[in-house]
N, C-alpha and C. Protein backbone atom coordinates (compact mmCIF):
# COMPACT_ATOMS: atom_id res chain seq x y z
N MET A 1 26.18 -70.08 56.54
CA MET A 1 26.27 -70.03 55.15
C MET A 1 27.42 -70.46 54.81
N LYS A 2 27.68 -71.13 53.61
CA LYS A 2 29.21 -71.49 53.15
C LYS A 2 29.28 -70.22 52.24
N LYS A 3 30.53 -69.74 52.09
CA LYS A 3 30.61 -68.37 51.03
C LYS A 3 31.81 -69.08 50.04
N ARG A 4 31.32 -69.06 48.84
CA ARG A 4 32.03 -69.36 47.40
C ARG A 4 32.46 -68.30 46.56
N THR A 5 33.66 -67.91 46.88
CA THR A 5 34.09 -66.60 45.83
C THR A 5 34.95 -67.08 44.84
N VAL A 6 35.46 -68.31 44.55
CA VAL A 6 36.76 -68.49 43.77
C VAL A 6 36.07 -69.46 43.03
N PRO A 7 35.75 -69.91 41.82
CA PRO A 7 35.94 -71.04 41.14
C PRO A 7 36.82 -72.11 41.30
N LYS A 8 36.57 -73.44 41.51
CA LYS A 8 37.57 -74.34 41.62
C LYS A 8 38.85 -74.25 40.58
N PHE A 9 38.18 -73.66 39.08
CA PHE A 9 39.51 -73.61 38.12
C PHE A 9 40.27 -72.63 38.41
N ALA A 10 40.12 -71.43 38.98
CA ALA A 10 40.64 -70.29 39.28
C ALA A 10 41.70 -70.29 40.36
N LYS A 11 43.17 -70.18 40.21
CA LYS A 11 43.92 -70.03 41.26
C LYS A 11 43.71 -68.33 41.89
N LYS A 12 44.12 -68.57 43.18
CA LYS A 12 44.09 -67.57 43.97
C LYS A 12 44.49 -66.36 43.44
N ARG A 13 45.95 -66.30 42.81
CA ARG A 13 46.38 -65.17 41.90
C ARG A 13 45.41 -64.27 40.93
N THR A 14 44.56 -65.22 40.67
CA THR A 14 43.80 -64.85 39.36
C THR A 14 42.80 -63.67 39.67
N VAL A 15 42.47 -63.90 41.26
CA VAL A 15 41.07 -63.13 41.62
C VAL A 15 41.89 -61.63 42.28
N PRO A 16 41.15 -60.33 41.70
CA PRO A 16 41.93 -59.27 42.19
C PRO A 16 41.73 -59.20 44.01
N LYS A 17 42.78 -58.60 44.59
CA LYS A 17 42.46 -58.37 45.82
C LYS A 17 41.08 -57.26 46.16
N LEU A 18 40.81 -57.54 47.35
CA LEU A 18 39.36 -56.85 47.75
C LEU A 18 39.73 -55.08 48.00
N SER A 19 40.90 -54.94 48.16
CA SER A 19 41.53 -53.73 48.98
C SER A 19 41.82 -52.91 47.14
N SER A 20 42.18 -53.83 46.21
CA SER A 20 42.34 -53.14 44.84
C SER A 20 40.99 -52.70 44.31
N ILE A 21 40.20 -53.43 44.58
CA ILE A 21 38.66 -53.27 43.89
C ILE A 21 38.07 -51.92 44.60
N GLU A 22 38.14 -51.84 45.84
CA GLU A 22 37.83 -51.19 46.86
C GLU A 22 38.49 -49.49 46.35
N LYS A 23 39.75 -49.27 46.44
CA LYS A 23 40.48 -48.38 45.78
C LYS A 23 40.06 -47.81 44.56
N THR A 24 40.19 -48.56 43.56
CA THR A 24 39.70 -47.92 42.22
C THR A 24 38.56 -48.40 41.65
N LYS A 25 37.41 -49.05 42.36
CA LYS A 25 36.02 -49.01 42.08
C LYS A 25 35.79 -49.35 40.73
N ASN A 26 37.28 -50.12 39.85
CA ASN A 26 36.74 -50.51 38.57
C ASN A 26 37.48 -51.87 38.45
N VAL A 27 36.85 -52.86 37.78
CA VAL A 27 37.31 -54.12 37.61
C VAL A 27 37.12 -54.57 35.92
N ILE A 28 38.25 -54.95 35.37
CA ILE A 28 37.98 -55.61 33.91
C ILE A 28 38.71 -57.02 33.93
N THR A 29 37.92 -57.88 33.27
CA THR A 29 38.34 -59.38 33.37
C THR A 29 38.29 -59.88 31.58
N ILE A 30 39.34 -60.37 31.64
CA ILE A 30 39.33 -61.00 29.89
C ILE A 30 40.20 -62.00 30.36
N GLU A 31 38.87 -62.85 29.34
CA GLU A 31 39.23 -64.44 30.03
C GLU A 31 39.01 -65.30 28.56
N ASP A 32 39.56 -66.32 28.06
CA ASP A 32 39.57 -67.20 27.09
C ASP A 32 38.51 -68.22 27.52
N GLY A 33 37.33 -67.78 27.46
CA GLY A 33 36.26 -68.86 27.87
C GLY A 33 34.94 -68.22 27.59
N THR A 34 33.82 -68.68 28.11
CA THR A 34 32.74 -67.85 28.24
C THR A 34 32.22 -66.95 29.24
N LYS A 35 31.51 -66.32 29.30
CA LYS A 35 30.95 -65.04 30.04
C LYS A 35 30.20 -66.02 31.36
N ILE A 36 29.48 -66.84 31.12
CA ILE A 36 28.73 -67.45 32.15
C ILE A 36 29.72 -68.74 32.87
N ASN A 37 29.87 -68.31 34.17
CA ASN A 37 30.60 -69.27 35.46
C ASN A 37 31.85 -69.16 34.91
N GLY A 38 32.51 -68.02 34.47
CA GLY A 38 33.78 -68.04 34.38
C GLY A 38 34.41 -66.81 35.29
N LEU A 39 35.60 -66.40 35.30
CA LEU A 39 36.34 -65.66 36.24
C LEU A 39 35.49 -64.37 36.53
N GLY A 40 34.93 -63.83 35.53
CA GLY A 40 33.89 -62.58 35.56
C GLY A 40 33.04 -62.71 36.62
N THR A 41 32.17 -64.04 36.52
CA THR A 41 31.49 -64.42 37.24
C THR A 41 31.92 -64.42 38.89
N ALA A 42 33.15 -65.08 38.85
CA ALA A 42 33.85 -65.20 40.48
C ALA A 42 33.90 -63.93 40.94
N VAL A 43 34.23 -63.05 39.86
CA VAL A 43 34.50 -61.52 40.66
C VAL A 43 33.30 -60.89 40.90
N LYS A 44 32.35 -61.11 40.10
CA LYS A 44 31.00 -60.33 40.40
C LYS A 44 30.46 -60.83 41.78
N GLU A 45 30.41 -62.21 41.94
CA GLU A 45 30.33 -62.79 43.40
C GLU A 45 31.11 -62.16 44.38
N LEU A 46 32.24 -62.24 44.09
CA LEU A 46 33.16 -61.58 45.43
C LEU A 46 32.77 -60.30 45.70
N ILE A 47 32.24 -59.31 44.59
CA ILE A 47 32.20 -58.21 44.92
C ILE A 47 30.84 -58.01 45.56
N ILE A 48 29.68 -58.95 45.57
CA ILE A 48 28.39 -59.03 45.77
C ILE A 48 28.73 -59.32 47.47
N ASP A 49 29.27 -60.66 47.40
CA ASP A 49 29.49 -61.35 48.94
C ASP A 49 30.15 -60.53 50.02
N ASN A 50 30.75 -59.63 49.54
CA ASN A 50 31.49 -58.68 50.34
C ASN A 50 30.82 -57.32 50.28
N LYS A 51 30.19 -56.89 50.09
CA LYS A 51 28.88 -56.06 50.07
C LYS A 51 29.96 -54.71 49.46
N LEU A 52 30.65 -54.61 48.45
CA LEU A 52 31.18 -53.87 48.01
C LEU A 52 30.02 -52.86 46.81
N LEU A 53 30.17 -51.60 47.03
CA LEU A 53 28.97 -50.88 46.64
C LEU A 53 29.77 -49.89 45.31
N ASP A 54 28.93 -49.76 44.48
CA ASP A 54 29.38 -48.51 43.19
C ASP A 54 30.68 -49.30 42.64
N ILE A 55 30.98 -50.39 42.23
CA ILE A 55 31.69 -50.92 41.61
C ILE A 55 31.55 -51.13 40.00
N LYS A 56 32.42 -50.38 39.01
CA LYS A 56 32.25 -50.84 37.87
C LYS A 56 33.00 -52.09 37.32
N ILE A 57 32.43 -53.14 36.68
CA ILE A 57 32.85 -54.16 36.19
C ILE A 57 32.90 -54.46 34.45
N GLN A 58 33.82 -54.50 34.11
CA GLN A 58 33.55 -54.97 32.59
C GLN A 58 34.09 -56.30 32.19
N THR A 59 33.40 -57.35 31.61
CA THR A 59 33.95 -58.76 31.33
C THR A 59 34.00 -58.74 29.87
N TYR A 60 34.95 -59.22 29.24
CA TYR A 60 35.58 -59.85 28.29
C TYR A 60 35.59 -61.21 27.94
N ALA A 61 34.63 -61.69 27.23
CA ALA A 61 34.85 -63.50 26.96
C ALA A 61 33.93 -63.79 25.67
N TYR A 62 33.83 -64.92 25.63
CA TYR A 62 33.10 -65.29 24.61
C TYR A 62 31.73 -65.45 25.03
N PRO A 63 30.69 -65.33 24.00
CA PRO A 63 29.29 -65.50 24.53
C PRO A 63 28.79 -67.33 24.97
N ASP A 64 28.05 -66.94 25.46
CA ASP A 64 27.53 -68.70 25.90
C ASP A 64 26.97 -69.16 24.98
N LYS A 65 27.35 -69.49 23.55
CA LYS A 65 26.68 -69.89 22.90
C LYS A 65 27.58 -71.19 22.18
N PHE A 66 27.06 -71.94 21.11
CA PHE A 66 27.92 -72.82 20.49
C PHE A 66 28.94 -72.18 19.58
N ILE A 67 30.14 -72.27 19.75
CA ILE A 67 31.11 -71.79 19.07
C ILE A 67 31.49 -72.86 17.79
N GLU A 68 31.75 -72.49 16.79
CA GLU A 68 32.12 -73.52 15.68
C GLU A 68 33.78 -73.48 15.81
N HIS A 69 34.52 -74.58 15.33
CA HIS A 69 36.03 -74.81 15.37
C HIS A 69 36.90 -73.94 14.70
N GLY A 70 37.85 -73.26 14.83
CA GLY A 70 38.56 -72.70 13.78
C GLY A 70 39.98 -72.08 14.71
N THR A 71 40.53 -71.34 14.07
CA THR A 71 41.74 -70.83 14.93
C THR A 71 41.12 -69.57 15.69
N VAL A 72 41.81 -69.10 16.69
CA VAL A 72 41.58 -68.09 17.46
C VAL A 72 40.98 -66.80 16.85
N GLU A 73 41.94 -66.64 15.71
CA GLU A 73 41.70 -65.16 14.83
C GLU A 73 40.36 -65.65 14.00
N GLU A 74 40.17 -66.69 13.68
CA GLU A 74 38.86 -67.00 12.76
C GLU A 74 37.51 -66.78 13.95
N LEU A 75 37.91 -67.53 15.14
CA LEU A 75 36.70 -67.26 15.84
C LEU A 75 36.41 -65.85 16.45
N GLU A 76 37.30 -65.42 16.70
CA GLU A 76 37.21 -64.06 17.13
C GLU A 76 36.62 -63.14 16.18
N LYS A 77 37.24 -63.08 14.84
CA LYS A 77 36.28 -62.56 13.76
C LYS A 77 35.12 -62.83 13.59
N ARG A 78 34.75 -63.87 13.91
CA ARG A 78 33.16 -64.14 13.70
C ARG A 78 32.21 -63.99 14.99
N ILE A 79 32.87 -63.78 15.86
CA ILE A 79 31.96 -63.46 17.01
C ILE A 79 32.08 -62.07 17.58
N PHE A 80 33.20 -61.29 17.40
CA PHE A 80 33.11 -60.13 17.55
C PHE A 80 33.14 -59.04 16.70
N ASP A 81 33.22 -59.44 15.52
CA ASP A 81 33.09 -58.66 14.24
C ASP A 81 31.69 -58.35 13.60
N ASN A 82 30.70 -58.63 14.57
CA ASN A 82 29.16 -58.68 14.02
C ASN A 82 28.50 -57.41 14.46
């Protein structure tokens, strides 16, 4: 079985080290993209593939829906202030 833990767009340095995840038992991802198939998803796959238990993960990203054009400030106000 081929193991894929890092999406093609993510560089190695953007994915946390397993030892850090095991030690802290906490992961927070913040990304300027959608929640689905982003960095948060890659980190969750990494945790599952390596059978790490009792890990708390919080992902901050845009919802997977159509987002109208605007400045970052306008978009974040529309999305996160609801």
